[in-house]
Amino acid sequence: MKFSVLIPARLGSTRLPGKPLADIAGLPMVVRVAQRVAAAGAARIVVAADDARIVEACNRHGVDAVLTRSDHASGSDRLAEACALLGLDGDDAVVNVQGDEPLIDPALVRRCADLLAERADCVMSTAAHPIEDAADFANPNIVKVVLDAAGRALYFTRAPVPCWRDAPPGVLPADPAPLRHLGLYGYRAGFLRRFPRLAPAPLERLEQLEQLRVLWHGERIAVHVSPHAGGAGVDTPQDLERVRALFAS
């Protein structure tokens, strides 16, 4: 399966300013992400940056990058512009890997690309893994996804679903097991370029989950269920120090 990886990178961050350029063992974080996903076998890996300093840092370390507008409302808008700049359209496969995931599993990236090839009925693919901790199940910061019989997303939510009506206290449902959504997406480039023009969905506004716009407009998302998480991202200074320690060891 021939595919491209696009890595959106925005310099502004409330909790961790300058995050894409944060040093991890001598290299900017976004460069570490690009190096990590190289093992997935993409035809090309391109950083979609909002600042020339990110582009310059990528180029210094042999990573392709394009400069996109700085006023995009979301990462999907940035990716849509990058697709246009790179000439990606139609059924060209694109996998979106966030620029703050230097520990991402390359096998998951590849699986999202392969899933698009296998599922002609879906415009997107993504990944999830079983939730085993009751606190994670109840945590609204952890997004859950429920699937249909064909492995497509029925709904994404911050609520603890599926709700086991007769559950003993503290016991999670087992069949089906609750699934934690991983923020990794495959797209058909033509749909990705069209996505920002779709009207935002009321459910998207309510849950603050952009992927609900896809389902609201009647499109389908294929979901790969992995037995494990794909590697924690970097959202805070504490996360950054933890990742630095892992690379140092």
C-alpha atoms as a PDB file:
ATOM      1  CA  MET A   1       0.000   0.000   0.000  1.00  0.00           C
ATOM      2  CA  LYS A   2       1.571   3.288  -1.124  1.00  0.00           C
ATOM      3  CA  PHE A   3       0.854   6.108   1.296  1.00  0.00           C
ATOM      4  CA  SER A   4       2.149   9.411   2.636  1.00  0.00           C
ATOM      5  CA  VAL A   5       2.533  10.480   6.247  1.00  0.00           C
ATOM      6  CA  LEU A   6       1.682  14.078   7.077  1.00  0.00           C
ATOM      7  CA  ILE A   7       2.749  15.473  10.448  1.00  0.00           C
ATOM      8  CA  PRO A   8       0.982  18.716  11.435  1.00  0.00           C
ATOM      9  CA  ALA A   9       3.199  20.879  13.643  1.00  0.00           C
ATOM     10  CA  ARG A  10       2.067  24.100  15.297  1.00  0.00           C
ATOM     11  CA  LEU A  11       4.561  26.248  17.185  1.00  0.00           C
ATOM     12  CA  GLY A  12       2.027  27.720  19.590  1.00  0.00           C
ATOM     13  CA  SER A  13       1.036  25.513  22.525  1.00  0.00           C
ATOM     14  CA  THR A  14      -0.684  26.614  25.723  1.00  0.00           C
ATOM     15  CA  ARG A  15       0.894  23.997  27.971  1.00  0.00           C
ATOM     16  CA  LEU A  16       4.211  23.606  26.167  1.00  0.00           C
ATOM     17  CA  PRO A  17       5.216  26.594  23.990  1.00  0.00           C
ATOM     18  CA  GLY A  18       7.474  25.749  21.034  1.00  0.00           C
ATOM     19  CA  LYS A  19       6.651  22.057  21.421  1.00  0.00           C
ATOM     20  CA  PRO A  20       7.623  20.861  17.896  1.00  0.00           C
ATOM     21  CA  LEU A  21      11.137  22.230  18.398  1.00  0.00           C
ATOM     22  CA  ALA A  22      11.610  20.908  21.948  1.00  0.00           C
ATOM     23  CA  ASP A  23      14.938  19.103  22.175  1.00  0.00           C
ATOM     24  CA  ILE A  24      14.886  15.327  22.615  1.00  0.00           C
ATOM     25  CA  ALA A  25      18.377  13.852  22.786  1.00  0.00           C
ATOM     26  CA  GLY A  26      19.789  16.482  20.437  1.00  0.00           C
ATOM     27  CA  LEU A  27      16.977  16.626  17.860  1.00  0.00           C
ATOM     28  CA  PRO A  28      13.712  18.605  17.655  1.00  0.00           C
ATOM     29  CA  MET A  29      10.666  16.604  18.687  1.00  0.00           C
ATOM     30  CA  VAL A  30       9.016  16.823  15.266  1.00  0.00           C
ATOM     31  CA  VAL A  31      12.178  15.395  13.674  1.00  0.00           C
ATOM     32  CA  ARG A  32      12.083  12.514  16.170  1.00  0.00           C
ATOM     33  CA  VAL A  33       8.479  11.831  15.125  1.00  0.00           C
ATOM     34  CA  ALA A  34       9.425  11.796  11.419  1.00  0.00           C
ATOM     35  CA  GLN A  35      12.335   9.448  12.105  1.00  0.00           C
ATOM     36  CA  ARG A  36      10.110   7.145  14.144  1.00  0.00           C
ATOM     37  CA  VAL A  37       7.421   6.775  11.473  1.00  0.00           C
ATOM     38  CA  ALA A  38      10.020   6.096   8.748  1.00  0.00           C
ATOM     39  CA  ALA A  39       9.819   2.442   9.808  1.00  0.00           C
ATOM     40  CA  ALA A  40       6.170   2.345   8.664  1.00  0.00           C
ATOM     41  CA  GLY A  41       7.272   2.300   5.023  1.00  0.00           C
ATOM     42  CA  ALA A  42       5.569   5.453   3.771  1.00  0.00           C
ATOM     43  CA  ALA A  43       6.369   6.686   0.269  1.00  0.00           C
ATOM     44  CA  ARG A  44       7.045  10.089   1.791  1.00  0.00           C
ATOM     45  CA  ILE A  45       6.923  11.807   5.155  1.00  0.00           C
ATOM     46  CA  VAL A  46       6.183  15.535   5.240  1.00  0.00           C
ATOM     47  CA  VAL A  47       5.797  17.929   8.153  1.00  0.00           C
ATOM     48  CA  ALA A  48       2.990  20.478   7.673  1.00  0.00           C
ATOM     49  CA  ALA A  49       4.248  23.438   9.713  1.00  0.00           C
ATOM     50  CA  ASP A  50       2.720  26.778  10.674  1.00  0.00           C
ATOM     51  CA  ASP A  51       6.057  28.531  11.164  1.00  0.00           C
ATOM     52  CA  ALA A  52       9.196  28.867   9.022  1.00  0.00           C
ATOM     53  CA  ARG A  53      11.355  27.939  12.022  1.00  0.00           C
ATOM     54  CA  ILE A  54       9.837  24.448  12.022  1.00  0.00           C
ATOM     55  CA  VAL A  55      10.458  24.080   8.278  1.00  0.00           C
ATOM     56  CA  GLU A  56      14.070  25.198   8.711  1.00  0.00           C
ATOM     57  CA  ALA A  57      14.654  22.774  11.596  1.00  0.00           C
ATOM     58  CA  CYS A  58      13.200  19.894   9.577  1.00  0.00           C
ATOM     59  CA  ASN A  59      15.275  20.720   6.510  1.00  0.00           C
ATOM     60  CA  ARG A  60      18.461  20.862   8.604  1.00  0.00           C
ATOM     61  CA  HIS A  61      17.870  17.260   9.610  1.00  0.00           C
ATOM     62  CA  GLY A  62      16.778  15.909   6.235  1.00  0.00           C
ATOM     63  CA  VAL A  63      13.030  15.925   6.874  1.00  0.00           C
ATOM     64  CA  ASP A  64      10.675  17.283   4.191  1.00  0.00           C
ATOM     65  CA  ALA A  65       8.366  20.075   5.320  1.00  0.00           C
ATOM     66  CA  VAL A  66       5.855  22.512   3.836  1.00  0.00           C
ATOM     67  CA  LEU A  67       4.814  25.866   5.270  1.00  0.00           C
ATOM     68  CA  THR A  68       1.063  26.189   5.750  1.00  0.00           C
ATOM     69  CA  ARG A  69      -1.055  29.093   6.948  1.00  0.00           C
ATOM     70  CA  SER A  70      -0.801  30.001  10.616  1.00  0.00           C
ATOM     71  CA  ASP A  71      -4.520  30.724  11.061  1.00  0.00           C
ATOM     72  CA  HIS A  72      -5.985  27.261  10.529  1.00  0.00           C
ATOM     73  CA  ALA A  73      -8.721  26.377  13.008  1.00  0.00           C
ATOM     74  CA  SER A  74      -7.708  22.712  13.217  1.00  0.00           C
ATOM     75  CA  GLY A  75      -5.105  20.178  12.246  1.00  0.00           C
ATOM     76  CA  SER A  76      -7.433  18.829   9.555  1.00  0.00           C
ATOM     77  CA  ASP A  77      -7.489  22.232   7.860  1.00  0.00           C
ATOM     78  CA  ARG A  78      -3.696  22.286   7.922  1.00  0.00           C
ATOM     79  CA  LEU A  79      -3.517  18.806   6.438  1.00  0.00           C
ATOM     80  CA  ALA A  80      -5.983  19.739   3.700  1.00  0.00           C
ATOM     81  CA  GLU A  81      -3.747  22.634   2.661  1.00  0.00           C
ATOM     82  CA  ALA A  82      -0.695  20.360   2.753  1.00  0.00           C
ATOM     83  CA  CYS A  83      -2.468  17.873   0.457  1.00  0.00           C
ATOM     84  CA  ALA A  84      -3.105  20.687  -2.015  1.00  0.00           C
ATOM     85  CA  LEU A  85       0.518  21.857  -1.839  1.00  0.00           C
ATOM     86  CA  LEU A  86       1.770  18.303  -2.406  1.00  0.00           C
ATOM     87  CA  GLY A  87      -0.704  17.465  -5.160  1.00  0.00           C
ATOM     88  CA  LEU A  88      -2.391  14.671  -3.185  1.00  0.00           C
ATOM     89  CA  ASP A  89      -6.005  13.999  -4.168  1.00  0.00           C
ATOM     90  CA  GLY A  90      -8.580  11.326  -4.874  1.00  0.00           C
ATOM     91  CA  ASP A  91      -7.781   7.926  -3.376  1.00  0.00           C
ATOM     92  CA  ASP A  92      -4.196   8.854  -2.434  1.00  0.00           C
ATOM     93  CA  ALA A  93      -3.725   7.520   1.101  1.00  0.00           C
ATOM     94  CA  VAL A  94      -2.565   9.909   3.813  1.00  0.00           C
ATOM     95  CA  VAL A  95      -1.852   9.027   7.445  1.00  0.00           C
ATOM     96  CA  ASN A  96      -1.940  11.857   9.968  1.00  0.00           C
ATOM     97  CA  VAL A  97       0.595  11.440  12.780  1.00  0.00           C
ATOM     98  CA  GLN A  98       0.642  14.171  15.417  1.00  0.00           C
ATOM     99  CA  GLY A  99       3.902  16.092  15.803  1.00  0.00           C
ATOM    100  CA  ASP A 100       4.046  15.400  19.546  1.00  0.00           C
ATOM    101  CA  GLU A 101       4.208  11.586  19.383  1.00  0.00           C
ATOM    102  CA  PRO A 102       7.891  10.593  19.254  1.00  0.00           C
ATOM    103  CA  LEU A 103       6.966   7.164  20.674  1.00  0.00           C
ATOM    104  CA  ILE A 104       4.284   6.311  18.098  1.00  0.00           C
ATOM    105  CA  ASP A 105       4.241   2.680  16.987  1.00  0.00           C
ATOM    106  CA  PRO A 106       5.172   2.555  13.259  1.00  0.00           C
ATOM    107  CA  ALA A 107       3.155  -0.655  12.889  1.00  0.00           C
ATOM    108  CA  LEU A 108      -0.016   1.238  13.833  1.00  0.00           C
ATOM    109  CA  VAL A 109       0.766   3.886  11.218  1.00  0.00           C
ATOM    110  CA  ARG A 110       1.135   1.192   8.582  1.00  0.00           C
ATOM    111  CA  ARG A 111      -2.048  -0.536   9.709  1.00  0.00           C
ATOM    112  CA  CYS A 112      -4.088   2.642   9.286  1.00  0.00           C
ATOM    113  CA  ALA A 113      -2.802   2.934   5.711  1.00  0.00           C
ATOM    114  CA  ASP A 114      -3.489  -0.730   4.909  1.00  0.00           C
ATOM    115  CA  LEU A 115      -6.997  -0.479   6.368  1.00  0.00           C
ATOM    116  CA  LEU A 116      -7.887   2.204   3.829  1.00  0.00           C
ATOM    117  CA  ALA A 117      -6.831  -0.118   1.021  1.00  0.00           C
ATOM    118  CA  GLU A 118      -8.952  -2.923   2.468  1.00  0.00           C
ATOM    119  CA  ARG A 119     -12.062  -0.844   3.148  1.00  0.00           C
ATOM    120  CA  ALA A 120     -13.353   0.841   0.008  1.00  0.00           C
ATOM    121  CA  ASP A 121     -16.518   1.739   1.954  1.00  0.00           C
ATOM    122  CA  CYS A 122     -14.598   4.045   4.319  1.00  0.00           C
ATOM    123  CA  VAL A 123     -13.062   7.480   3.732  1.00  0.00           C
ATOM    124  CA  MET A 124     -10.995   7.296   6.922  1.00  0.00           C
ATOM    125  CA  SER A 125      -9.291   4.807   9.208  1.00  0.00           C
ATOM    126  CA  THR A 126      -8.155   5.044  12.799  1.00  0.00           C
ATOM    127  CA  ALA A 127      -7.112   2.864  15.743  1.00  0.00           C
ATOM    128  CA  ALA A 128      -8.251   1.968  19.242  1.00  0.00           C
ATOM    129  CA  HIS A 129      -7.280  -0.391  22.051  1.00  0.00           C
ATOM    130  CA  PRO A 130      -9.187  -2.016  24.937  1.00  0.00           C
ATOM    131  CA  ILE A 131      -9.610  -0.078  28.180  1.00  0.00           C
ATOM    132  CA  GLU A 132      -8.736  -2.133  31.236  1.00  0.00           C
ATOM    133  CA  ASP A 133      -8.801   0.510  33.970  1.00  0.00           C
ATOM    134  CA  ALA A 134     -12.089   1.774  35.463  1.00  0.00           C
ATOM    135  CA  ALA A 135     -10.624   5.245  36.051  1.00  0.00           C
ATOM    136  CA  ASP A 136      -9.681   5.531  32.362  1.00  0.00           C
ATOM    137  CA  PHE A 137     -13.171   4.379  31.392  1.00  0.00           C
ATOM    138  CA  ALA A 138     -14.722   7.188  33.466  1.00  0.00           C
ATOM    139  CA  ASN A 139     -12.190   9.856  32.432  1.00  0.00           C
ATOM    140  CA  PRO A 140     -13.732  12.378  29.972  1.00  0.00           C
ATOM    141  CA  ASN A 141     -10.242  13.232  28.680  1.00  0.00           C
ATOM    142  CA  ILE A 142      -9.976   9.706  27.303  1.00  0.00           C
ATOM    143  CA  VAL A 143     -12.037   9.360  24.139  1.00  0.00           C
ATOM    144  CA  LYS A 144     -13.956   6.136  23.581  1.00  0.00           C
ATOM    145  CA  VAL A 145     -15.233   4.607  20.357  1.00  0.00           C
ATOM    146  CA  VAL A 146     -17.923   1.986  19.760  1.00  0.00           C
ATOM    147  CA  LEU A 147     -17.989  -0.133  16.604  1.00  0.00           C
ATOM    148  CA  ASP A 148     -20.507  -1.807  14.334  1.00  0.00           C
ATOM    149  CA  ALA A 149     -20.342  -5.446  13.209  1.00  0.00           C
ATOM    150  CA  ALA A 150     -18.038  -4.503  10.308  1.00  0.00           C
ATOM    151  CA  GLY A 151     -15.464  -2.747  12.502  1.00  0.00           C
ATOM    152  CA  ARG A 152     -16.572   0.772  11.584  1.00  0.00           C
ATOM    153  CA  ALA A 153     -17.032   3.577  14.105  1.00  0.00           C
ATOM    154  CA  LEU A 154     -20.583   4.060  15.319  1.00  0.00           C
ATOM    155  CA  TYR A 155     -19.743   6.904  17.682  1.00  0.00           C
ATOM    156  CA  PHE A 156     -16.881   8.653  19.468  1.00  0.00           C
ATOM    157  CA  THR A 157     -17.498  10.066  22.919  1.00  0.00           C
ATOM    158  CA  ARG A 158     -15.944  11.257  26.145  1.00  0.00           C
ATOM    159  CA  ALA A 159     -18.613   9.375  28.110  1.00  0.00           C
ATOM    160  CA  PRO A 160     -18.076   5.861  29.521  1.00  0.00           C
ATOM    161  CA  VAL A 161     -19.573   3.701  26.754  1.00  0.00           C
ATOM    162  CA  PRO A 162     -20.747   1.064  26.205  1.00  0.00           C
ATOM    163  CA  CYS A 163     -22.804   1.361  29.370  1.00  0.00           C
ATOM    164  CA  TRP A 164     -23.324  -2.003  31.055  1.00  0.00           C
ATOM    165  CA  ARG A 165     -26.702  -1.533  32.700  1.00  0.00           C
ATOM    166  CA  ASP A 166     -26.342  -4.432  35.155  1.00  0.00           C
ATOM    167  CA  ALA A 167     -22.632  -4.059  35.883  1.00  0.00           C
ATOM    168  CA  PRO A 168     -21.375  -4.845  39.385  1.00  0.00           C
ATOM    169  CA  PRO A 169     -19.675  -1.799  40.956  1.00  0.00           C
ATOM    170  CA  GLY A 170     -16.284  -1.043  39.403  1.00  0.00           C
ATOM    171  CA  VAL A 171     -16.511  -3.824  36.797  1.00  0.00           C
ATOM    172  CA  LEU A 172     -15.980  -2.938  33.136  1.00  0.00           C
ATOM    173  CA  PRO A 173     -18.026  -4.473  30.317  1.00  0.00           C
ATOM    174  CA  ALA A 174     -16.253  -7.391  28.636  1.00  0.00           C
ATOM    175  CA  ASP A 175     -18.279  -8.097  25.488  1.00  0.00           C
ATOM    176  CA  PRO A 176     -17.825  -5.745  23.853  1.00  0.00           C
ATOM    177  CA  ALA A 177     -14.888  -4.313  25.763  1.00  0.00           C
ATOM    178  CA  PRO A 178     -14.702  -0.514  25.957  1.00  0.00           C
ATOM    179  CA  LEU A 179     -12.212   0.932  23.477  1.00  0.00           C
ATOM    180  CA  ARG A 180      -9.928   3.918  23.870  1.00  0.00           C
ATOM    181  CA  HIS A 181      -9.582   5.882  20.652  1.00  0.00           C
ATOM    182  CA  LEU A 182      -6.033   6.605  19.526  1.00  0.00           C
ATOM    183  CA  GLY A 183      -5.562   9.950  17.742  1.00  0.00           C
ATOM    184  CA  LEU A 184      -4.109   8.436  14.576  1.00  0.00           C
ATOM    185  CA  TYR A 185      -5.976   8.803  11.286  1.00  0.00           C
ATOM    186  CA  GLY A 186      -5.748   7.561   7.732  1.00  0.00           C
ATOM    187  CA  TYR A 187      -7.572   9.542   5.038  1.00  0.00           C
ATOM    188  CA  ARG A 188      -8.346   9.362   1.368  1.00  0.00           C
ATOM    189  CA  ALA A 189      -6.768  12.629   0.241  1.00  0.00           C
ATOM    190  CA  GLY A 190      -9.825  13.688  -1.743  1.00  0.00           C
ATOM    191  CA  PHE A 191     -11.989  13.442   1.368  1.00  0.00           C
ATOM    192  CA  LEU A 192      -9.374  15.201   3.497  1.00  0.00           C
ATOM    193  CA  ARG A 193      -9.365  18.134   1.092  1.00  0.00           C
ATOM    194  CA  ARG A 194     -13.176  18.234   1.232  1.00  0.00           C
ATOM    195  CA  PHE A 195     -13.494  17.817   4.997  1.00  0.00           C
ATOM    196  CA  PRO A 196     -12.896  21.462   6.056  1.00  0.00           C
ATOM    197  CA  ARG A 197     -15.783  22.533   3.819  1.00  0.00           C
ATOM    198  CA  LEU A 198     -18.265  20.266   5.625  1.00  0.00           C
ATOM    199  CA  ALA A 199     -20.468  22.065   8.132  1.00  0.00           C
ATOM    200  CA  PRO A 200     -19.450  21.388  11.754  1.00  0.00           C
ATOM    201  CA  ALA A 201     -21.800  18.930  13.453  1.00  0.00           C
ATOM    202  CA  PRO A 202     -23.801  19.707  16.620  1.00  0.00           C
ATOM    203  CA  LEU A 203     -22.403  16.536  18.222  1.00  0.00           C
ATOM    204  CA  GLU A 204     -18.889  17.668  17.308  1.00  0.00           C
ATOM    205  CA  ARG A 205     -19.438  20.966  19.116  1.00  0.00           C
ATOM    206  CA  LEU A 206     -20.943  19.211  22.133  1.00  0.00           C
ATOM    207  CA  GLU A 207     -18.232  16.584  22.564  1.00  0.00           C
ATOM    208  CA  GLN A 208     -15.417  18.711  21.098  1.00  0.00           C
ATOM    209  CA  LEU A 209     -14.453  15.798  18.845  1.00  0.00           C
ATOM    210  CA  GLU A 210     -13.828  16.737  15.225  1.00  0.00           C
ATOM    211  CA  GLN A 211     -14.151  13.170  13.938  1.00  0.00           C
ATOM    212  CA  LEU A 212     -17.880  13.249  14.731  1.00  0.00           C
ATOM    213  CA  ARG A 213     -18.308  15.567  11.749  1.00  0.00           C
ATOM    214  CA  VAL A 214     -17.376  12.658   9.494  1.00  0.00           C
ATOM    215  CA  LEU A 215     -20.077  10.392  10.930  1.00  0.00           C
ATOM    216  CA  TRP A 216     -22.647  13.216  11.047  1.00  0.00           C
ATOM    217  CA  HIS A 217     -22.318  13.683   7.310  1.00  0.00           C
ATOM    218  CA  GLY A 218     -22.817   9.980   6.622  1.00  0.00           C
ATOM    219  CA  GLU A 219     -19.224   8.953   5.920  1.00  0.00           C
ATOM    220  CA  ARG A 220     -17.587   5.897   7.461  1.00  0.00           C
ATOM    221  CA  ILE A 221     -14.426   5.358   9.506  1.00  0.00           C
ATOM    222  CA  ALA A 222     -12.756   1.937   9.708  1.00  0.00           C
ATOM    223  CA  VAL A 223     -11.200   1.124  13.088  1.00  0.00           C
ATOM    224  CA  HIS A 224      -8.230  -1.142  13.785  1.00  0.00           C
ATOM    225  CA  VAL A 225      -8.331  -2.587  17.304  1.00  0.00           C
ATOM    226  CA  SER A 226      -4.808  -2.951  18.637  1.00  0.00           C
ATOM    227  CA  PRO A 227      -4.017  -5.025  21.730  1.00  0.00           C
ATOM    228  CA  HIS A 228      -1.931  -2.153  23.099  1.00  0.00           C
ATOM    229  CA  ALA A 229      -1.571   1.636  23.046  1.00  0.00           C
ATOM    230  CA  GLY A 230       0.598   3.233  20.393  1.00  0.00           C
ATOM    231  CA  GLY A 231       2.899   5.223  22.679  1.00  0.00           C
ATOM    232  CA  ALA A 232       2.003   8.221  24.828  1.00  0.00           C
ATOM    233  CA  GLY A 233       2.205  11.718  23.358  1.00  0.00           C
ATOM    234  CA  VAL A 234       3.823  14.841  24.805  1.00  0.00           C
ATOM    235  CA  ASP A 235       1.306  17.342  26.164  1.00  0.00           C
ATOM    236  CA  THR A 236       3.026  18.773  29.238  1.00  0.00           C
ATOM    237  CA  PRO A 237       6.538  19.605  30.477  1.00  0.00           C
ATOM    238  CA  GLN A 238       6.332  16.461  32.611  1.00  0.00           C
ATOM    239  CA  ASP A 239       5.593  14.353  29.526  1.00  0.00           C
ATOM    240  CA  LEU A 240       8.587  15.910  27.777  1.00  0.00           C
ATOM    241  CA  GLU A 241      10.950  15.063  30.619  1.00  0.00           C
ATOM    242  CA  ARG A 242       9.663  11.484  30.689  1.00  0.00           C
ATOM    243  CA  VAL A 243      10.300  11.081  26.950  1.00  0.00           C
ATOM    244  CA  ARG A 244      13.745  12.680  27.248  1.00  0.00           C
ATOM    245  CA  ALA A 245      14.609  10.171  29.956  1.00  0.00           C
ATOM    246  CA  LEU A 246      13.495   7.274  27.739  1.00  0.00           C
ATOM    247  CA  PHE A 247      15.658   8.453  24.852  1.00  0.00           C
ATOM    248  CA  ALA A 248      18.605   9.042  27.185  1.00  0.00           C
ATOM    249  CA  SER A 249      18.372   5.458  28.440  1.00  0.00           C
END
